[in-house]
Amino acid sequence: MSEGNGWNDEHRRRRVVKNELAFRAHNERRRELELEIGDAGSEDAVPFVCECGLPDCAAPIELSIQEYEQVHAEPDRFVVRRGHELLRYERVVGEVGGYRIVEKLQPVD
């Protein structure tokens, strides 16, 4: 993220969280659709989007419904592509399906 945009750190952190929550909401709708249709088995790969806080990212990721639900059992955890970690605001706590699981350093508001 650009440092020269005049945002203070708290504003930048809130923007990152807002982006991550928007991607999670999109993925949650996708999960619900897969469950409603009943087409995805618990181990089938489902297309989701990276839940990073980068403003221009909409990179695809593939997880099973089970993997997705395990990550989101903790409300402050998100799944991101390698290299999309924002270590100023989060830490890597694991991996799933070849992707990173990050946890917010401060609770998600």
Protein backbone atom coordinates (compact mmCIF):
# COMPACT_ATOMS: atom_id res chain seq x y z
CA MET A 1 0.00 0.00 0.00
CA SER A 2 1.22 3.48 -0.77
CA GLU A 3 2.74 5.33 2.15
CA GLY A 4 2.41 8.74 0.50
CA ASN A 5 -1.37 9.06 0.44
CA GLY A 6 -1.67 11.02 3.70
CA TRP A 7 -3.56 8.30 5.56
CA ASN A 8 -2.62 7.75 9.16
CA ASP A 9 -1.94 4.20 10.29
CA GLU A 10 -5.36 3.73 11.91
CA HIS A 11 -7.17 4.82 8.74
CA ARG A 12 -5.02 2.49 6.66
CA ARG A 13 -5.69 -0.40 9.07
CA ARG A 14 -9.44 0.21 8.86
CA ARG A 15 -9.27 0.29 5.06
CA VAL A 16 -7.41 -3.04 5.01
CA VAL A 17 -10.00 -4.61 7.34
CA LYS A 18 -12.86 -3.23 5.22
CA ASN A 19 -11.38 -4.80 2.08
CA GLU A 20 -10.87 -8.13 3.82
CA LEU A 21 -14.41 -8.17 5.19
CA ALA A 22 -15.83 -7.37 1.74
CA PHE A 23 -13.95 -10.31 0.21
CA ARG A 24 -15.06 -12.57 3.06
CA ALA A 25 -18.70 -11.52 2.50
CA HIS A 26 -18.35 -12.38 -1.20
CA ASN A 27 -16.86 -15.77 -0.31
CA GLU A 28 -19.59 -16.44 2.24
CA ARG A 29 -22.24 -15.88 -0.45
CA ARG A 30 -20.33 -18.31 -2.68
CA ARG A 31 -20.21 -20.90 0.11
CA GLU A 32 -23.96 -20.53 0.70
CA LEU A 33 -24.65 -20.96 -3.03
CA GLU A 34 -22.53 -24.11 -3.17
CA LEU A 35 -24.34 -25.54 -0.14
CA GLU A 36 -27.76 -24.56 -1.53
CA ILE A 37 -27.09 -26.18 -4.89
CA GLY A 38 -25.56 -29.17 -3.15
CA ASP A 39 -23.09 -29.57 -6.00
CA ALA A 40 -19.87 -29.30 -3.99
CA GLY A 41 -18.81 -32.28 -1.93
CA SER A 42 -16.90 -31.58 1.25
CA GLU A 43 -13.59 -32.13 -0.55
CA ASP A 44 -14.38 -30.55 -3.94
CA ALA A 45 -12.46 -27.39 -4.82
CA VAL A 46 -14.69 -24.32 -4.90
CA PRO A 47 -13.59 -21.01 -6.48
CA PHE A 48 -13.31 -18.23 -3.92
CA VAL A 49 -11.38 -14.93 -3.97
CA CYS A 50 -8.31 -13.94 -2.01
CA GLU A 51 -9.34 -12.22 1.23
CA CYS A 52 -6.32 -9.95 1.46
CA GLY A 53 -6.55 -6.25 2.22
CA LEU A 54 -4.91 -5.14 -1.04
CA PRO A 55 -7.31 -2.75 -2.78
CA ASP A 56 -6.83 -4.08 -6.33
CA CYS A 57 -6.80 -7.80 -5.59
CA ALA A 58 -9.50 -10.19 -6.72
CA ALA A 59 -7.16 -13.15 -7.24
CA PRO A 60 -8.84 -16.54 -7.39
CA ILE A 61 -8.22 -19.21 -4.78
CA GLU A 62 -9.70 -22.69 -4.54
CA LEU A 63 -10.65 -24.37 -1.28
CA SER A 64 -13.05 -27.05 -0.27
CA ILE A 65 -16.09 -25.95 1.72
CA GLN A 66 -14.59 -27.78 4.71
CA GLU A 67 -11.26 -25.90 4.40
CA TYR A 68 -13.09 -22.58 4.02
CA GLU A 69 -15.20 -23.22 7.13
CA GLN A 70 -12.18 -24.28 9.19
CA VAL A 71 -10.37 -21.01 8.41
CA HIS A 72 -13.42 -18.92 9.27
CA ALA A 73 -14.22 -20.71 12.52
CA GLU A 74 -12.07 -17.91 13.98
CA PRO A 75 -13.54 -14.47 13.13
CA ASP A 76 -10.16 -12.72 12.83
CA ARG A 77 -8.75 -15.15 10.26
CA PHE A 78 -8.63 -14.76 6.50
CA VAL A 79 -7.24 -16.85 3.64
CA VAL A 80 -4.87 -15.10 1.21
CA ARG A 81 -2.53 -15.95 -1.64
CA ARG A 82 1.17 -16.19 -0.86
CA GLY A 83 2.70 -12.73 -0.99
CA HIS A 84 -0.58 -10.99 -0.13
CA GLU A 85 0.10 -10.98 3.61
CA LEU A 86 0.14 -7.50 5.17
CA LEU A 87 2.43 -8.19 8.11
CA ARG A 88 1.93 -4.72 9.51
CA TYR A 89 -1.67 -5.67 10.34
CA GLU A 90 -1.69 -9.47 10.50
CA ARG A 91 0.43 -12.53 11.07
CA VAL A 92 0.58 -15.83 9.23
CA VAL A 93 -0.85 -18.61 11.42
CA GLY A 94 -1.06 -21.49 8.95
CA GLU A 95 -1.69 -22.74 5.47
CA VAL A 96 -4.61 -24.42 3.77
CA GLY A 97 -4.93 -25.61 0.18
CA GLY A 98 -1.61 -23.96 -0.72
CA TYR A 99 -2.74 -20.56 0.60
CA ARG A 100 -1.84 -18.65 3.74
CA ILE A 101 -4.10 -18.17 6.75
CA VAL A 102 -3.60 -14.77 8.36
CA GLU A 103 -4.88 -13.51 11.68
CA LYS A 104 -5.42 -9.84 12.45
CA LEU A 105 -3.07 -8.33 15.04
CA GLN A 106 -5.97 -6.21 16.32
CA PRO A 107 -9.52 -7.54 16.54
CA VAL A 108 -11.77 -6.99 13.53
CA ASP A 109 -14.28 -4.23 14.39
